């Protein structure tokens, strides 16, 4: 992936980006991805200590921690980025958007694949955690502050702790419009709450009818 391609992706997704020079000099997400390319190159050649040193310096400089073993797709945009952590066996697809405080992490000390796989065009909101050897399909949206520990099918929106999948509203969700993800997720959660209330009302009515029937039987 060329530097120019990465800059264009940031310009497309961030309205605050005023110029290529500003992005090149002032965007820690771009710097973190660039350092990771060096660290990953060293990691694949089993220069593990050097790879970790590059990664460590990148974390110091940018506030973003990407393990040298992680596999990153094209045009990854880490917006602001402070506190983002991406684990060793994580795999991230193309055109993914991560906001600050996101964790793409593991859930234990097991060996092998223990971090998530993110498909293409995935959006992970501020402070969200995606944990374990799970897969988020293409075009998945994760709401801010959510904790996702199970795989999510393509085109879905997931919110909450633990994360729950809600029906995607394709007509309302832009390609990477993070702000509107939360609005749609809140609407879906409100629908679920109304459904739960209705179920509780029906259960109460059923208990009342059963009690009346038992009372008549005794009489």
Protein backbone atom coordinates (compact mmCIF):
# COMPACT_ATOMS: atom_id res chain seq x y z
CA UNK A 1 0.00 0.00 0.00
CA UNK A 2 1.42 3.38 -1.00
CA UNK A 3 1.64 6.38 1.30
CA UNK A 4 -0.43 8.39 -1.17
CA UNK A 5 -3.22 5.79 -1.07
CA UNK A 6 -3.25 5.92 2.74
CA UNK A 7 -3.42 9.71 2.76
CA UNK A 8 -6.28 9.71 0.27
CA UNK A 9 -8.20 7.26 2.45
CA UNK A 10 -7.81 9.57 5.45
CA UNK A 11 -8.91 12.59 3.41
CA UNK A 12 -11.98 10.68 2.33
CA UNK A 13 -13.00 9.65 5.83
CA UNK A 14 -11.96 12.63 7.96
CA UNK A 15 -13.51 16.03 7.16
CA UNK A 16 -11.02 17.65 9.57
CA UNK A 17 -8.11 16.79 7.29
CA UNK A 18 -7.18 20.01 5.48
CA UNK A 19 -4.14 18.95 3.47
CA UNK A 20 -1.83 16.06 2.66
CA UNK A 21 0.98 17.79 4.55
CA UNK A 22 -1.16 18.06 7.69
CA UNK A 23 -1.98 14.34 7.51
CA UNK A 24 1.64 13.40 6.91
CA UNK A 25 2.93 15.42 9.86
CA UNK A 26 0.10 15.34 12.39
CA UNK A 27 -1.88 12.09 12.13
CA UNK A 28 -0.64 9.48 14.64
CA UNK A 29 -2.76 6.76 13.00
CA UNK A 30 -0.79 7.18 9.78
CA UNK A 31 2.52 7.12 11.69
CA UNK A 32 1.52 3.98 13.62
CA UNK A 33 0.62 2.11 10.43
CA UNK A 34 3.89 3.16 8.80
CA UNK A 35 5.95 2.00 11.77
CA UNK A 36 3.99 -1.26 11.82
CA UNK A 37 4.97 -2.02 8.24
CA UNK A 38 8.61 -1.91 9.34
CA UNK A 39 7.96 -3.91 12.51
CA UNK A 40 5.92 -6.54 10.65
CA UNK A 41 8.66 -6.90 8.03
CA UNK A 42 11.16 -7.62 10.80
CA UNK A 43 8.71 -9.94 12.60
CA UNK A 44 8.19 -12.11 9.51
CA UNK A 45 11.98 -12.51 9.31
CA UNK A 46 12.07 -13.61 12.96
CA UNK A 47 13.86 -10.46 14.12
CA UNK A 48 11.48 -10.40 17.06
CA UNK A 49 13.41 -8.12 19.39
CA UNK A 50 14.02 -5.50 16.70
CA UNK A 51 10.38 -5.74 15.67
CA UNK A 52 9.23 -5.14 19.24
CA UNK A 53 11.62 -2.21 19.63
CA UNK A 54 10.11 -0.55 16.55
CA UNK A 55 6.63 -1.26 17.89
CA UNK A 56 7.57 0.09 21.31
CA UNK A 57 8.96 3.31 19.83
CA UNK A 58 5.79 3.68 17.75
CA UNK A 59 3.64 3.32 20.86
CA UNK A 60 5.72 5.95 22.66
CA UNK A 61 5.39 8.34 19.74
CA UNK A 62 1.74 7.79 18.78
CA UNK A 63 -0.06 6.29 21.79
CA UNK A 64 -1.11 3.39 19.54
CA UNK A 65 0.11 -0.15 20.26
CA UNK A 66 0.16 -2.57 17.33
CA UNK A 67 1.91 -5.88 17.85
CA UNK A 68 4.42 -6.58 15.06
CA UNK A 69 2.68 -9.88 14.31
CA UNK A 70 -0.70 -8.32 13.52
CA UNK A 71 -1.81 -8.37 9.88
CA UNK A 72 -3.23 -5.07 8.67
CA UNK A 73 -5.17 -4.56 5.44
CA UNK A 74 -5.04 -1.63 3.06
CA UNK A 75 -6.22 1.87 3.97
CA UNK A 76 -6.64 1.23 7.70
CA UNK A 77 -7.63 4.53 9.34
CA UNK A 78 -7.04 4.88 13.08
CA UNK A 79 -8.85 8.12 13.89
CA UNK A 80 -7.13 10.07 16.71
CA UNK A 81 -5.93 6.69 17.92
CA UNK A 82 -4.84 7.27 21.51
CA UNK A 83 -5.14 4.04 23.48
CA UNK A 84 -5.74 1.75 20.50
CA UNK A 85 -4.33 -1.76 21.03
CA UNK A 86 -4.09 -4.44 18.32
CA UNK A 87 -2.89 -7.91 19.36
CA UNK A 88 -0.37 -10.27 17.82
CA UNK A 89 -2.66 -12.61 15.87
CA UNK A 90 -5.24 -10.00 14.90
CA UNK A 91 -6.12 -9.75 11.21
CA UNK A 92 -7.71 -6.59 9.87
CA UNK A 93 -9.22 -6.22 6.40
CA UNK A 94 -9.25 -3.30 3.98
CA UNK A 95 -10.84 0.12 4.59
CA UNK A 96 -11.33 -0.49 8.32
CA UNK A 97 -11.97 2.44 10.65
CA UNK A 98 -10.92 2.32 14.33
CA UNK A 99 -11.61 5.12 16.78
CA UNK A 100 -9.63 6.01 19.89
CA UNK A 101 -9.47 3.56 22.78
CA UNK A 102 -10.33 0.50 20.70
CA UNK A 103 -8.92 -2.86 21.79
CA UNK A 104 -8.54 -5.72 19.31
CA UNK A 105 -7.34 -8.18 21.91
CA UNK A 106 -7.26 -11.69 23.31
CA UNK A 107 -9.08 -13.27 26.22
CA UNK A 108 -6.42 -15.52 27.70
CA UNK A 109 -2.89 -16.90 27.50
CA UNK A 110 -3.61 -19.66 24.99
CA UNK A 111 -1.30 -20.22 22.04
CA UNK A 112 -2.11 -19.89 18.36
CA UNK A 113 -4.85 -17.68 16.92
CA UNK A 114 -6.27 -15.80 19.88
CA UNK A 115 -7.18 -12.38 18.50
CA UNK A 116 -10.05 -11.24 16.27
CA UNK A 117 -10.30 -11.19 12.50
CA UNK A 118 -12.01 -8.09 11.08
CA UNK A 119 -13.42 -8.10 7.55
CA UNK A 120 -13.44 -5.24 5.08
CA UNK A 121 -15.05 -1.86 5.83
CA UNK A 122 -15.54 -2.63 9.53
CA UNK A 123 -16.09 0.32 11.90
CA UNK A 124 -15.22 -0.02 15.60
CA UNK A 125 -16.43 2.85 17.78
CA UNK A 126 -14.66 4.72 20.56
CA UNK A 127 -13.67 2.61 23.57
CA UNK A 128 -15.02 -0.65 22.13
CA UNK A 129 -13.29 -3.98 22.73
CA UNK A 130 -13.32 -6.89 20.29
CA UNK A 131 -11.88 -9.90 22.10
CA UNK A 132 -10.84 -13.45 21.33
CA UNK A 133 -10.54 -15.62 18.23
CA UNK A 134 -13.73 -14.34 16.62
CA UNK A 135 -14.63 -12.95 13.21
CA UNK A 136 -16.41 -9.73 12.33
CA UNK A 137 -17.76 -9.97 8.80
CA UNK A 138 -17.55 -7.31 6.13
CA UNK A 139 -19.34 -4.00 6.83
CA UNK A 140 -19.90 -4.75 10.53
CA UNK A 141 -20.39 -1.70 12.78
CA UNK A 142 -19.47 -1.86 16.50
CA UNK A 143 -21.01 0.82 18.70
CA UNK A 144 -18.91 2.92 21.08
CA UNK A 145 -18.10 1.23 24.39
CA UNK A 146 -19.31 -2.20 23.26
CA UNK A 147 -17.57 -5.44 24.23
CA UNK A 148 -17.74 -8.07 21.49
CA UNK A 149 -16.79 -11.66 22.37
CA UNK A 150 -18.68 -13.61 19.70
CA UNK A 151 -18.45 -13.61 15.92
CA UNK A 152 -20.69 -11.15 14.07
CA UNK A 153 -22.19 -11.79 10.61
CA UNK A 154 -21.49 -9.43 7.74
CA UNK A 155 -23.54 -6.25 7.51
CA UNK A 156 -24.60 -6.25 11.17
CA UNK A 157 -24.46 -3.64 13.90
CA UNK A 158 -23.44 -4.79 17.38
CA UNK A 159 -23.86 -2.78 20.58
CA UNK A 160 -23.74 -3.23 24.35
CA UNK A 161 -21.88 -5.23 27.00
CA UNK A 162 -21.71 -8.00 26.06
CA UNK A 163 -22.23 -7.01 22.43
CA UNK A 164 -25.59 -7.90 20.92
CA UNK A 165 -26.28 -7.98 17.21
CA UNK A 166 -29.11 -5.77 16.02
CA UNK A 167 -30.63 -5.62 12.56
CA UNK A 168 -28.59 -3.52 10.17
CA UNK A 169 -30.36 -0.61 8.50
CA UNK A 170 -28.50 -0.39 5.26
CA UNK A 171 -30.41 2.65 4.09
CA UNK A 172 -29.45 4.58 7.24
CA UNK A 173 -25.83 3.52 7.57
CA UNK A 174 -23.25 5.14 5.34
CA UNK A 175 -20.15 3.25 4.33
CA UNK A 176 -18.20 4.48 7.36
CA UNK A 177 -20.50 7.01 9.07
CA UNK A 178 -19.71 6.16 12.66
CA UNK A 179 -21.99 8.78 14.22
CA UNK A 180 -25.08 7.32 12.59
CA UNK A 181 -24.22 3.81 13.80
CA UNK A 182 -25.05 4.83 17.37
CA UNK A 183 -28.36 6.39 16.31
CA UNK A 184 -29.47 3.24 14.51
CA UNK A 185 -28.26 1.04 17.35
CA UNK A 186 -30.22 3.09 19.89
CA UNK A 187 -33.35 2.78 17.78
CA UNK A 188 -32.92 -0.98 17.56
CA UNK A 189 -32.35 -1.27 21.31
CA UNK A 190 -35.48 0.80 21.96
CA UNK A 191 -37.45 -1.61 19.78
CA UNK A 192 -36.06 -4.55 21.75
CA UNK A 193 -36.98 -2.91 25.05
CA UNK A 194 -40.55 -2.35 23.85
CA UNK A 195 -40.73 -5.98 22.78
CA UNK A 196 -39.48 -7.12 26.19
CA UNK A 197 -42.06 -4.93 27.93
CA UNK A 198 -44.82 -6.44 25.80
CA UNK A 199 -43.62 -9.96 26.59
CA UNK A 200 -43.66 -9.20 30.32
CA UNK A 201 -47.23 -7.86 30.01
CA UNK A 202 -48.34 -11.00 28.22
CA UNK A 203 -46.65 -13.22 30.80
CA UNK A 204 -48.43 -11.35 33.61
CA UNK A 205 -51.76 -11.70 31.81
CA UNK A 206 -51.17 -15.42 31.27
CA UNK A 207 -50.39 -15.93 34.97
CA UNK A 208 -53.57 -14.07 35.90
CA UNK A 209 -55.68 -16.23 33.60
CA UNK A 210 -54.10 -19.40 34.95
CA UNK A 211 -54.71 -18.29 38.55
CA UNK A 212 -58.35 -17.56 37.75
CA UNK A 213 -58.74 -20.95 36.06
CA UNK A 214 -57.22 -22.73 39.06
CA UNK A 215 -59.51 -20.74 41.36
CA UNK A 216 -62.61 -21.77 39.38
CA UNK A 217 -61.50 -25.37 39.44
CA UNK A 218 -61.25 -25.36 43.21
CA UNK A 219 -64.65 -23.70 43.52
